PDB file of N, CA and C in Angstrom:
ATOM      1  N   MET A   1       3.320  -7.506 -17.930  1.00  0.00           N
ATOM      2  CA  MET A   1       1.944  -7.825 -17.622  1.00  0.00           C
ATOM      3  C   MET A   1       1.614  -7.544 -16.152  1.00  0.00           C
ATOM      4  N   TYR A   2       2.534  -7.871 -15.276  1.00  0.00           N
ATOM      5  CA  TYR A   2       2.317  -7.657 -13.844  1.00  0.00           C
ATOM      6  C   TYR A   2       3.151  -6.481 -13.329  1.00  0.00           C
ATOM      7  N   SER A   3       3.507  -5.577 -14.233  1.00  0.00           N
ATOM      8  CA  SER A   3       4.449  -4.512 -13.862  1.00  0.00           C
ATOM      9  C   SER A   3       3.906  -3.569 -12.798  1.00  0.00           C
ATOM     10  N   GLU A   4       2.602  -3.258 -12.828  1.00  0.00           N
ATOM     11  CA  GLU A   4       2.053  -2.364 -11.801  1.00  0.00           C
ATOM     12  C   GLU A   4       2.169  -2.989 -10.421  1.00  0.00           C
ATOM     13  N   LEU A   5       1.828  -4.260 -10.316  1.00  0.00           N
ATOM     14  CA  LEU A   5       1.949  -4.967  -9.044  1.00  0.00           C
ATOM     15  C   LEU A   5       3.397  -4.942  -8.577  1.00  0.00           C
ATOM     16  N   GLY A   6       4.313  -5.259  -9.480  1.00  0.00           N
ATOM     17  CA  GLY A   6       5.723  -5.282  -9.139  1.00  0.00           C
ATOM     18  C   GLY A   6       6.248  -3.944  -8.672  1.00  0.00           C
ATOM     19  N   GLU A   7       5.829  -2.877  -9.341  1.00  0.00           N
ATOM     20  CA  GLU A   7       6.265  -1.531  -8.951  1.00  0.00           C
ATOM     21  C   GLU A   7       5.768  -1.182  -7.556  1.00  0.00           C
ATOM     22  N   LYS A   8       4.544  -1.572  -7.250  1.00  0.00           N
ATOM     23  CA  LYS A   8       3.979  -1.265  -5.936  1.00  0.00           C
ATOM     24  C   LYS A   8       4.669  -2.064  -4.836  1.00  0.00           C
ATOM     25  N   VAL A   9       4.979  -3.317  -5.129  1.00  0.00           N
ATOM     26  CA  VAL A   9       5.701  -4.149  -4.159  1.00  0.00           C
ATOM     27  C   VAL A   9       7.088  -3.555  -3.906  1.00  0.00           C
ATOM     28  N   LYS A  10       7.757  -3.164  -4.972  1.00  0.00           N
ATOM     29  CA  LYS A  10       9.088  -2.577  -4.848  1.00  0.00           C
ATOM     30  C   LYS A  10       9.035  -1.282  -4.039  1.00  0.00           C
ATOM     31  N   LEU A  11       8.035  -0.449  -4.292  1.00  0.00           N
ATOM     32  CA  LEU A  11       7.876   0.804  -3.555  1.00  0.00           C
ATOM     33  C   LEU A  11       7.692   0.535  -2.062  1.00  0.00           C
ATOM     34  N   LEU A  12       6.834  -0.418  -1.727  1.00  0.00           N
ATOM     35  CA  LEU A  12       6.626  -0.758  -0.318  1.00  0.00           C
ATOM     36  C   LEU A  12       7.910  -1.288   0.315  1.00  0.00           C
ATOM     37  N   ARG A  13       8.586  -2.162  -0.402  1.00  0.00           N
ATOM     38  CA  ARG A  13       9.828  -2.752   0.110  1.00  0.00           C
ATOM     39  C   ARG A  13      10.870  -1.676   0.386  1.00  0.00           C
ATOM     40  N   LYS A  14      11.057  -0.781  -0.587  1.00  0.00           N
ATOM     41  CA  LYS A  14      12.076   0.268  -0.432  1.00  0.00           C
ATOM     42  C   LYS A  14      11.716   1.255   0.674  1.00  0.00           C
ATOM     43  N   ARG A  15      10.430   1.556   0.808  1.00  0.00           N
ATOM     44  CA  ARG A  15      10.009   2.479   1.874  1.00  0.00           C
ATOM     45  C   ARG A  15      10.331   1.922   3.253  1.00  0.00           C
ATOM     46  N   ARG A  16      10.354   0.611   3.375  1.00  0.00           N
ATOM     47  CA  ARG A  16      10.695  -0.045   4.638  1.00  0.00           C
ATOM     48  C   ARG A  16      12.182  -0.289   4.778  1.00  0.00           C
ATOM     49  N   GLY A  17      12.953   0.019   3.726  1.00  0.00           N
ATOM     50  CA  GLY A  17      14.394  -0.205   3.772  1.00  0.00           C
ATOM     51  C   GLY A  17      14.768  -1.681   3.716  1.00  0.00           C
ATOM     52  N   LEU A  18      13.935  -2.471   3.066  1.00  0.00           N
ATOM     53  CA  LEU A  18      14.185  -3.903   2.969  1.00  0.00           C
ATOM     54  C   LEU A  18      14.921  -4.257   1.689  1.00  0.00           C
ATOM     55  N   LYS A  19      15.659  -5.344   1.741  1.00  0.00           N
ATOM     56  CA  LYS A  19      16.298  -5.898   0.549  1.00  0.00           C
ATOM     57  C   LYS A  19      15.363  -6.961  -0.016  1.00  0.00           C
ATOM     58  N   GLN A  20      15.603  -7.339  -1.258  1.00  0.00           N
ATOM     59  CA  GLN A  20      14.786  -8.388  -1.861  1.00  0.00           C
ATOM     60  C   GLN A  20      14.857  -9.679  -1.048  1.00  0.00           C
ATOM     61  N   ASP A  21      16.026  -9.970  -0.487  1.00  0.00           N
ATOM     62  CA  ASP A  21      16.177 -11.165   0.351  1.00  0.00           C
ATOM     63  C   ASP A  21      15.244 -11.125   1.562  1.00  0.00           C
ATOM     64  N   ASP A  22      15.093  -9.925   2.155  1.00  0.00           N
ATOM     65  CA  ASP A  22      14.224  -9.768   3.324  1.00  0.00           C
ATOM     66  C   ASP A  22      12.777 -10.079   2.960  1.00  0.00           C
ATOM     67  N   LEU A  23      12.334  -9.523   1.839  1.00  0.00           N
ATOM     68  CA  LEU A  23      10.962  -9.754   1.401  1.00  0.00           C
ATOM     69  C   LEU A  23      10.759 -11.208   0.994  1.00  0.00           C
ATOM     70  N   ALA A  24      11.781 -11.805   0.438  1.00  0.00           N
ATOM     71  CA  ALA A  24      11.707 -13.220   0.056  1.00  0.00           C
ATOM     72  C   ALA A  24      11.423 -14.089   1.285  1.00  0.00           C
ATOM     73  N   LEU A  25      12.048 -13.777   2.394  1.00  0.00           N
ATOM     74  CA  LEU A  25      11.798 -14.526   3.629  1.00  0.00           C
ATOM     75  C   LEU A  25      10.355 -14.383   4.084  1.00  0.00           C
ATOM     76  N   VAL A  26       9.825 -13.174   4.002  1.00  0.00           N
ATOM     77  CA  VAL A  26       8.449 -12.914   4.430  1.00  0.00           C
ATOM     78  C   VAL A  26       7.464 -13.724   3.590  1.00  0.00           C
ATOM     79  N   LEU A  27       7.674 -13.740   2.277  1.00  0.00           N
ATOM     80  CA  LEU A  27       6.744 -14.404   1.363  1.00  0.00           C
ATOM     81  C   LEU A  27       7.099 -15.867   1.096  1.00  0.00           C
ATOM     82  N   GLU A  28       8.198 -16.308   1.697  1.00  0.00           N
ATOM     83  CA  GLU A  28       8.683 -17.676   1.494  1.00  0.00           C
ATOM     84  C   GLU A  28       8.931 -17.952   0.010  1.00  0.00           C
ATOM     85  N   LEU A  29       9.628 -16.997  -0.623  1.00  0.00           N
ATOM     86  CA  LEU A  29      10.032 -17.094  -2.021  1.00  0.00           C
ATOM     87  C   LEU A  29      11.541 -16.916  -2.098  1.00  0.00           C
ATOM     88  N   SER A  30      12.104 -17.129  -3.259  1.00  0.00           N
ATOM     89  CA  SER A  30      13.530 -16.867  -3.450  1.00  0.00           C
ATOM     90  C   SER A  30      13.730 -15.398  -3.815  1.00  0.00           C
ATOM     91  N   ARG A  31      14.966 -14.920  -3.671  1.00  0.00           N
ATOM     92  CA  ARG A  31      15.259 -13.553  -4.066  1.00  0.00           C
ATOM     93  C   ARG A  31      14.995 -13.368  -5.559  1.00  0.00           C
ATOM     94  N   GLY A  32      15.296 -14.375  -6.356  1.00  0.00           N
ATOM     95  CA  GLY A  32      15.044 -14.322  -7.790  1.00  0.00           C
ATOM     96  C   GLY A  32      13.560 -14.167  -8.112  1.00  0.00           C
ATOM     97  N   GLN A  33      12.709 -14.852  -7.331  1.00  0.00           N
ATOM     98  CA  GLN A  33      11.267 -14.716  -7.541  1.00  0.00           C
ATOM     99  C   GLN A  33      10.796 -13.302  -7.185  1.00  0.00           C
ATOM    100  N   ILE A  34      11.386 -12.707  -6.162  1.00  0.00           N
ATOM    101  CA  ILE A  34      11.050 -11.322  -5.804  1.00  0.00           C
ATOM    102  C   ILE A  34      11.505 -10.390  -6.924  1.00  0.00           C
ATOM    103  N   SER A  35      12.684 -10.629  -7.455  1.00  0.00           N
ATOM    104  CA  SER A  35      13.185  -9.826  -8.575  1.00  0.00           C
ATOM    105  C   SER A  35      12.228  -9.919  -9.763  1.00  0.00           C
ATOM    106  N   ASN A  36      11.790 -11.133 -10.079  1.00  0.00           N
ATOM    107  CA  ASN A  36      10.847 -11.326 -11.177  1.00  0.00           C
ATOM    108  C   ASN A  36       9.506 -10.646 -10.897  1.00  0.00           C
ATOM    109  N   LEU A  37       9.079 -10.686  -9.653  1.00  0.00           N
ATOM    110  CA  LEU A  37       7.838 -10.021  -9.257  1.00  0.00           C
ATOM    111  C   LEU A  37       7.951  -8.515  -9.482  1.00  0.00           C
ATOM    112  N   GLU A  38       9.030  -7.927  -8.973  1.00  0.00           N
ATOM    113  CA  GLU A  38       9.216  -6.482  -9.068  1.00  0.00           C
ATOM    114  C   GLU A  38       9.417  -6.011 -10.503  1.00  0.00           C
ATOM    115  N   SER A  39       9.919  -6.876 -11.354  1.00  0.00           N
ATOM    116  CA  SER A  39      10.129  -6.486 -12.753  1.00  0.00           C
ATOM    117  C   SER A  39       8.926  -6.832 -13.629  1.00  0.00           C
ATOM    118  N   GLY A  40       7.873  -7.384 -13.017  1.00  0.00           N
ATOM    119  CA  GLY A  40       6.650  -7.648 -13.761  1.00  0.00           C
ATOM    120  C   GLY A  40       6.606  -8.972 -14.487  1.00  0.00           C
ATOM    121  N   ARG A  41       7.547  -9.847 -14.203  1.00  0.00           N
ATOM    122  CA  ARG A  41       7.588 -11.152 -14.869  1.00  0.00           C
ATOM    123  C   ARG A  41       6.935 -12.259 -14.050  1.00  0.00           C
ATOM    124  N   ARG A  42       6.427 -11.907 -12.877  1.00  0.00           N
ATOM    125  CA  ARG A  42       5.827 -12.896 -11.988  1.00  0.00           C
ATOM    126  C   ARG A  42       4.657 -12.272 -11.259  1.00  0.00           C
ATOM    127  N   ASN A  43       3.683 -13.083 -10.921  1.00  0.00           N
ATOM    128  CA  ASN A  43       2.534 -12.643 -10.153  1.00  0.00           C
ATOM    129  C   ASN A  43       2.585 -13.317  -8.781  1.00  0.00           C
ATOM    130  N   LEU A  44       1.675 -12.944  -7.912  1.00  0.00           N
ATOM    131  CA  LEU A  44       1.563 -13.565  -6.602  1.00  0.00           C
ATOM    132  C   LEU A  44       0.264 -14.346  -6.517  1.00  0.00           C
ATOM    133  N   SER A  45       0.266 -15.374  -5.702  1.00  0.00           N
ATOM    134  CA  SER A  45      -0.988 -16.071  -5.407  1.00  0.00           C
ATOM    135  C   SER A  45      -1.787 -15.191  -4.451  1.00  0.00           C
ATOM    136  N   VAL A  46      -3.054 -15.491  -4.302  1.00  0.00           N
ATOM    137  CA  VAL A  46      -3.892 -14.720  -3.373  1.00  0.00           C
ATOM    138  C   VAL A  46      -3.337 -14.836  -1.959  1.00  0.00           C
ATOM    139  N   LYS A  47      -2.897 -16.022  -1.587  1.00  0.00           N
ATOM    140  CA  LYS A  47      -2.337 -16.228  -0.242  1.00  0.00           C
ATOM    141  C   LYS A  47      -1.088 -15.360  -0.038  1.00  0.00           C
ATOM    142  N   GLN A  48      -0.222 -15.312  -1.048  1.00  0.00           N
ATOM    143  CA  GLN A  48       0.984 -14.488  -0.946  1.00  0.00           C
ATOM    144  C   GLN A  48       0.624 -13.002  -0.891  1.00  0.00           C
ATOM    145  N   LEU A  49      -0.373 -12.609  -1.675  1.00  0.00           N
ATOM    146  CA  LEU A  49      -0.804 -11.213  -1.666  1.00  0.00           C
ATOM    147  C   LEU A  49      -1.385 -10.836  -0.310  1.00  0.00           C
ATOM    148  N   GLU A  50      -2.153 -11.729   0.284  1.00  0.00           N
ATOM    149  CA  GLU A  50      -2.695 -11.475   1.627  1.00  0.00           C
ATOM    150  C   GLU A  50      -1.568 -11.336   2.648  1.00  0.00           C
ATOM    151  N   LYS A  51      -0.562 -12.196   2.543  1.00  0.00           N
ATOM    152  CA  LYS A  51       0.584 -12.142   3.456  1.00  0.00           C
ATOM    153  C   LYS A  51       1.330 -10.816   3.285  1.00  0.00           C
ATOM    154  N   LEU A  52       1.479 -10.386   2.036  1.00  0.00           N
ATOM    155  CA  LEU A  52       2.150  -9.126   1.737  1.00  0.00           C
ATOM    156  C   LEU A  52       1.371  -7.946   2.335  1.00  0.00           C
ATOM    157  N   CYS A  53       0.051  -7.953   2.160  1.00  0.00           N
ATOM    158  CA  CYS A  53      -0.793  -6.886   2.706  1.00  0.00           C
ATOM    159  C   CYS A  53      -0.701  -6.840   4.226  1.00  0.00           C
ATOM    160  N   GLU A  54      -0.727  -8.008   4.844  1.00  0.00           N
ATOM    161  CA  GLU A  54      -0.629  -8.073   6.297  1.00  0.00           C
ATOM    162  C   GLU A  54       0.731  -7.551   6.771  1.00  0.00           C
ATOM    163  N   TYR A  55       1.788  -7.950   6.094  1.00  0.00           N
ATOM    164  CA  TYR A  55       3.135  -7.541   6.489  1.00  0.00           C
ATOM    165  C   TYR A  55       3.315  -6.027   6.373  1.00  0.00           C
ATOM    166  N   PHE A  56       2.864  -5.453   5.254  1.00  0.00           N
ATOM    167  CA  PHE A  56       3.043  -4.018   5.033  1.00  0.00           C
ATOM    168  C   PHE A  56       1.885  -3.182   5.584  1.00  0.00           C
ATOM    169  N   LYS A  57       0.882  -3.864   6.132  1.00  0.00           N
ATOM    170  CA  LYS A  57      -0.280  -3.192   6.706  1.00  0.00           C
ATOM    171  C   LYS A  57      -0.969  -2.273   5.688  1.00  0.00           C
ATOM    172  N   VAL A  58      -1.218  -2.839   4.503  1.00  0.00           N
ATOM    173  CA  VAL A  58      -1.966  -2.127   3.466  1.00  0.00           C
ATOM    174  C   VAL A  58      -3.167  -2.980   3.080  1.00  0.00           C
ATOM    175  N   ASP A  59      -4.201  -2.312   2.634  1.00  0.00           N
ATOM    176  CA  ASP A  59      -5.386  -2.999   2.165  1.00  0.00           C
ATOM    177  C   ASP A  59      -5.120  -3.543   0.765  1.00  0.00           C
ATOM    178  N   MET A  60      -5.781  -4.608   0.410  1.00  0.00           N
ATOM    179  CA  MET A  60      -5.586  -5.198  -0.904  1.00  0.00           C
ATOM    180  C   MET A  60      -5.936  -4.205  -2.016  1.00  0.00           C
ATOM    181  N   SER A  61      -6.788  -3.254  -1.704  1.00  0.00           N
ATOM    182  CA  SER A  61      -7.166  -2.247  -2.706  1.00  0.00           C
ATOM    183  C   SER A  61      -5.960  -1.413  -3.149  1.00  0.00           C
ATOM    184  N   TYR A  62      -4.919  -1.366  -2.316  1.00  0.00           N
ATOM    185  CA  TYR A  62      -3.693  -0.650  -2.683  1.00  0.00           C
ATOM    186  C   TYR A  62      -3.158  -1.148  -4.019  1.00  0.00           C
ATOM    187  N   PHE A  63      -3.279  -2.453  -4.241  1.00  0.00           N
ATOM    188  CA  PHE A  63      -2.743  -3.031  -5.465  1.00  0.00           C
ATOM    189  C   PHE A  63      -3.687  -2.847  -6.657  1.00  0.00           C
ATOM    190  N   ILE A  64      -4.890  -2.375  -6.393  1.00  0.00           N
ATOM    191  CA  ILE A  64      -5.868  -2.139  -7.453  1.00  0.00           C
ATOM    192  C   ILE A  64      -5.884  -0.668  -7.854  1.00  0.00           C
ATOM    193  N   MET A  65      -5.539   0.214  -6.914  1.00  0.00           N
ATOM    194  CA  MET A  65      -5.543   1.652  -7.194  1.00  0.00           C
ATOM    195  C   MET A  65      -4.617   1.959  -8.358  1.00  0.00           C
ATOM    196  N   THR A  66      -5.059   2.845  -9.237  1.00  0.00           N
ATOM    197  CA  THR A  66      -4.220   3.202 -10.376  1.00  0.00           C
ATOM    198  C   THR A  66      -3.200   4.264 -10.008  1.00  0.00           C
ATOM    199  N   GLU A  67      -3.490   5.080  -9.033  1.00  0.00           N
ATOM    200  CA  GLU A  67      -2.603   6.174  -8.632  1.00  0.00           C
ATOM    201  C   GLU A  67      -1.994   5.822  -7.280  1.00  0.00           C
ATOM    202  N   THR A  68      -0.825   5.253  -7.272  1.00  0.00           N
ATOM    203  CA  THR A  68      -0.153   4.901  -6.026  1.00  0.00           C
ATOM    204  C   THR A  68       1.270   5.429  -6.087  1.00  0.00           C
ATOM    205  N   THR A  69       1.444   6.607  -5.593  1.00  0.00           N
ATOM    206  CA  THR A  69       2.755   7.229  -5.595  1.00  0.00           C
ATOM    207  C   THR A  69       3.204   7.439  -4.159  1.00  0.00           C
ATOM    208  N   ASP A  70       4.434   7.894  -4.011  1.00  0.00           N
ATOM    209  CA  ASP A  70       4.923   8.207  -2.669  1.00  0.00           C
ATOM    210  C   ASP A  70       4.010   9.216  -1.992  1.00  0.00           C
ATOM    211  N   SER A  71       3.538  10.215  -2.741  1.00  0.00           N
ATOM    212  CA  SER A  71       2.692  11.252  -2.140  1.00  0.00           C
ATOM    213  C   SER A  71       1.370  10.661  -1.659  1.00  0.00           C
ATOM    214  N   CYS A  72       0.810   9.694  -2.396  1.00  0.00           N
ATOM    215  CA  CYS A  72      -0.423   9.032  -1.958  1.00  0.00           C
ATOM    216  C   CYS A  72      -0.182   8.270  -0.662  1.00  0.00           C
ATOM    217  N   LEU A  73       0.919   7.533  -0.620  1.00  0.00           N
ATOM    218  CA  LEU A  73       1.231   6.764   0.593  1.00  0.00           C
ATOM    219  C   LEU A  73       1.498   7.690   1.771  1.00  0.00           C
ATOM    220  N   ASP A  74       2.178   8.799   1.528  1.00  0.00           N
ATOM    221  CA  ASP A  74       2.426   9.766   2.595  1.00  0.00           C
ATOM    222  C   ASP A  74       1.115  10.328   3.128  1.00  0.00           C
ATOM    223  N   LEU A  75       0.193  10.648   2.220  1.00  0.00           N
ATOM    224  CA  LEU A  75      -1.106  11.181   2.623  1.00  0.00           C
ATOM    225  C   LEU A  75      -1.865  10.156   3.464  1.00  0.00           C
ATOM    226  N   ILE A  76      -1.837   8.901   3.040  1.00  0.00           N
ATOM    227  CA  ILE A  76      -2.517   7.849   3.789  1.00  0.00           C
ATOM    228  C   ILE A  76      -1.906   7.708   5.187  1.00  0.00           C
ATOM    229  N   GLU A  77      -0.576   7.744   5.267  1.00  0.00           N
ATOM    230  CA  GLU A  77       0.087   7.629   6.572  1.00  0.00           C
ATOM    231  C   GLU A  77      -0.259   8.801   7.483  1.00  0.00           C
ATOM    232  N   LYS A  78      -0.298  10.013   6.920  1.00  0.00           N
ATOM    233  CA  LYS A  78      -0.640  11.194   7.722  1.00  0.00           C
ATOM    234  C   LYS A  78      -2.079  11.126   8.205  1.00  0.00           C
ATOM    235  N   ALA A  79      -2.983  10.683   7.333  1.00  0.00           N
ATOM    236  CA  ALA A  79      -4.386  10.551   7.726  1.00  0.00           C
ATOM    237  C   ALA A  79      -4.520   9.528   8.847  1.00  0.00           C
ATOM    238  N   LYS A  80      -3.786   8.420   8.727  1.00  0.00           N
ATOM    239  CA  LYS A  80      -3.828   7.383   9.760  1.00  0.00           C
ATOM    240  C   LYS A  80      -3.363   7.938  11.107  1.00  0.00           C
ATOM    241  N   LEU A  81      -2.287   8.730  11.081  1.00  0.00           N
ATOM    242  CA  LEU A  81      -1.802   9.343  12.322  1.00  0.00           C
ATOM    243  C   LEU A  81      -2.852  10.251  12.937  1.00  0.00           C
ATOM    244  N   LEU A  82      -3.528  11.022  12.088  1.00  0.00           N
ATOM    245  CA  LEU A  82      -4.576  11.905  12.586  1.00  0.00           C
ATOM    246  C   LEU A  82      -5.707  11.120  13.235  1.00  0.00           C
ATOM    247  N   PHE A  83      -6.148  10.070  12.570  1.00  0.00           N
ATOM    248  CA  PHE A  83      -7.263   9.294  13.098  1.00  0.00           C
ATOM    249  C   PHE A  83      -6.899   8.534  14.364  1.00  0.00           C
ATOM    250  N   GLU A  84      -5.635   8.183  14.521  1.00  0.00           N
ATOM    251  CA  GLU A  84      -5.208   7.474  15.723  1.00  0.00           C
ATOM    252  C   GLU A  84      -4.854   8.436  16.858  1.00  0.00           C
ATOM    253  N   SER A  85      -4.807   9.716  16.559  1.00  0.00           N
ATOM    254  CA  SER A  85      -4.434  10.731  17.539  1.00  0.00           C
ATOM    255  C   SER A  85      -5.473  10.842  18.648  1.00  0.00           C
ATOM    256  N   LYS A  86      -4.989  11.051  19.840  1.00  0.00           N
ATOM    257  CA  LYS A  86      -5.880  11.278  20.976  1.00  0.00           C
ATOM    258  C   LYS A  86      -6.165  12.779  21.133  1.00  0.00           C
ATOM    259  N   GLU A  87      -5.494  13.602  20.331  1.00  0.00           N
ATOM    260  CA  GLU A  87      -5.683  15.049  20.408  1.00  0.00           C
ATOM    261  C   GLU A  87      -6.953  15.511  19.702  1.00  0.00           C
ATOM    262  N   LEU A  88      -7.455  14.690  18.774  1.00  0.00           N
ATOM    263  CA  LEU A  88      -8.683  15.035  18.074  1.00  0.00           C
ATOM    264  C   LEU A  88      -9.870  14.376  18.755  1.00  0.00           C
ATOM    265  N   THR A  89     -10.974  15.123  18.838  1.00  0.00           N
ATOM    266  CA  THR A  89     -12.195  14.537  19.383  1.00  0.00           C
ATOM    267  C   THR A  89     -12.817  13.629  18.322  1.00  0.00           C
ATOM    268  N   ASN A  90     -13.734  12.795  18.739  1.00  0.00           N
ATOM    269  CA  ASN A  90     -14.419  11.930  17.786  1.00  0.00           C
ATOM    270  C   ASN A  90     -15.175  12.750  16.749  1.00  0.00           C
ATOM    271  N   MET A  91     -15.720  13.873  17.155  1.00  0.00           N
ATOM    272  CA  MET A  91     -16.443  14.739  16.220  1.00  0.00           C
ATOM    273  C   MET A  91     -15.479  15.325  15.178  1.00  0.00           C
ATOM    274  N   GLN A  92     -14.294  15.727  15.611  1.00  0.00           N
ATOM    275  CA  GLN A  92     -13.296  16.250  14.669  1.00  0.00           C
ATOM    276  C   GLN A  92     -12.846  15.155  13.697  1.00  0.00           C
ATOM    277  N   LYS A  93     -12.686  13.947  14.202  1.00  0.00           N
ATOM    278  CA  LYS A  93     -12.312  12.834  13.342  1.00  0.00           C
ATOM    279  C   LYS A  93     -13.409  12.549  12.325  1.00  0.00           C
ATOM    280  N   GLU A  94     -14.657  12.606  12.776  1.00  0.00           N
ATOM    281  CA  GLU A  94     -15.793  12.381  11.878  1.00  0.00           C
ATOM    282  C   GLU A  94     -15.849  13.462  10.794  1.00  0.00           C
ATOM    283  N   ASP A  95     -15.625  14.713  11.180  1.00  0.00           N
ATOM    284  CA  ASP A  95     -15.610  15.817  10.198  1.00  0.00           C
ATOM    285  C   ASP A  95     -14.472  15.634   9.194  1.00  0.00           C
ATOM    286  N   LEU A  96     -13.320  15.239   9.685  1.00  0.00           N
ATOM    287  CA  LEU A  96     -12.169  15.009   8.815  1.00  0.00           C
ATOM    288  C   LEU A  96     -12.458  13.878   7.833  1.00  0.00           C
ATOM    289  N   PHE A  97     -13.034  12.803   8.336  1.00  0.00           N
ATOM    290  CA  PHE A  97     -13.378  11.675   7.477  1.00  0.00           C
ATOM    291  C   PHE A  97     -14.363  12.108   6.392  1.00  0.00           C
ATOM    292  N   THR A  98     -15.365  12.866   6.771  1.00  0.00           N
ATOM    293  CA  THR A  98     -16.359  13.345   5.803  1.00  0.00           C
ATOM    294  C   THR A  98     -15.703  14.205   4.733  1.00  0.00           C
ATOM    295  N   SER A  99     -14.791  15.056   5.131  1.00  0.00           N
ATOM    296  CA  SER A  99     -14.083  15.917   4.165  1.00  0.00           C
ATOM    297  C   SER A  99     -13.230  15.095   3.211  1.00  0.00           C
ATOM    298  N   ILE A 100     -12.519  14.124   3.746  1.00  0.00           N
ATOM    299  CA  ILE A 100     -11.669  13.270   2.912  1.00  0.00           C
ATOM    300  C   ILE A 100     -12.523  12.493   1.916  1.00  0.00           C
ATOM    301  N   MET A 101     -13.636  11.943   2.383  1.00  0.00           N
ATOM    302  CA  MET A 101     -14.513  11.187   1.488  1.00  0.00           C
ATOM    303  C   MET A 101     -15.093  12.079   0.398  1.00  0.00           C
ATOM    304  N   LYS A 102     -15.421  13.314   0.730  1.00  0.00           N
ATOM    305  CA  LYS A 102     -15.961  14.244  -0.267  1.00  0.00           C
ATOM    306  C   LYS A 102     -14.919  14.504  -1.358  1.00  0.00           C
ATOM    307  N   VAL A 103     -13.685  14.760  -0.957  1.00  0.00           N
ATOM    308  CA  VAL A 103     -12.603  14.999  -1.930  1.00  0.00           C
ATOM    309  C   VAL A 103     -12.415  13.766  -2.800  1.00  0.00           C
ATOM    310  N   TYR A 104     -12.419  12.595  -2.171  1.00  0.00           N
ATOM    311  CA  TYR A 104     -12.237  11.343  -2.899  1.00  0.00           C
ATOM    312  C   TYR A 104     -13.368  11.126  -3.902  1.00  0.00           C
ATOM    313  N   LEU A 105     -14.597  11.282  -3.477  1.00  0.00           N
ATOM    314  CA  LEU A 105     -15.738  11.058  -4.364  1.00  0.00           C
ATOM    315  C   LEU A 105     -15.781  12.090  -5.501  1.00  0.00           C
ATOM    316  N   ASP A 106     -15.435  13.340  -5.174  1.00  0.00           N
ATOM    317  CA  ASP A 106     -15.389  14.371  -6.212  1.00  0.00           C
ATOM    318  C   ASP A 106     -14.345  14.034  -7.273  1.00  0.00           C
ATOM    319  N   SER A 107     -13.210  13.486  -6.839  1.00  0.00           N
ATOM    320  CA  SER A 107     -12.158  13.145  -7.804  1.00  0.00           C
ATOM    321  C   SER A 107     -12.562  11.961  -8.677  1.00  0.00           C
ATOM    322  N   LYS A 108     -13.397  11.070  -8.167  1.00  0.00           N
ATOM    323  CA  LYS A 108     -13.848   9.899  -8.922  1.00  0.00           C
ATOM    324  C   LYS A 108     -14.839  10.300 -10.027  1.00  0.00           C
ATOM    325  N   GLU A 109     -15.562  11.393  -9.821  1.00  0.00           N
ATOM    326  CA  GLU A 109     -16.573  11.826 -10.795  1.00  0.00           C
ATOM    327  C   GLU A 109     -15.940  12.475 -12.015  1.00  0.00           C
ATOM    328  N   LYS A 110     -14.691  12.887 -11.894  1.00  0.00           N
ATOM    329  CA  LYS A 110     -14.032  13.589 -13.009  1.00  0.00           C
ATOM    330  C   LYS A 110     -13.476  12.652 -14.025  1.00  0.00           C
TER     331      LYS A 110
END
């Protein structure tokens, strides 16, 4: 029932090189509860989900998106680097944002 949430939590945890015990400390849960979460047998409270989002620096919408793969996360990280770059002018950043939004909106219409 909660398998999508669990898969996304596991993906974030592994990308950071964390063990279930490490994540358990962050969320103030047991390792067994993290295991149950990742296997889809447990859900998180809103407070725990907020803590998780803050820790991994992801928006809550990450857990709502249906397409969340390594390639999606890589794309988001690369876009973030571009937007934080001092090498791009504000106008270039604005153009890039407009292009990304156009691609995103076009994909939603299909």
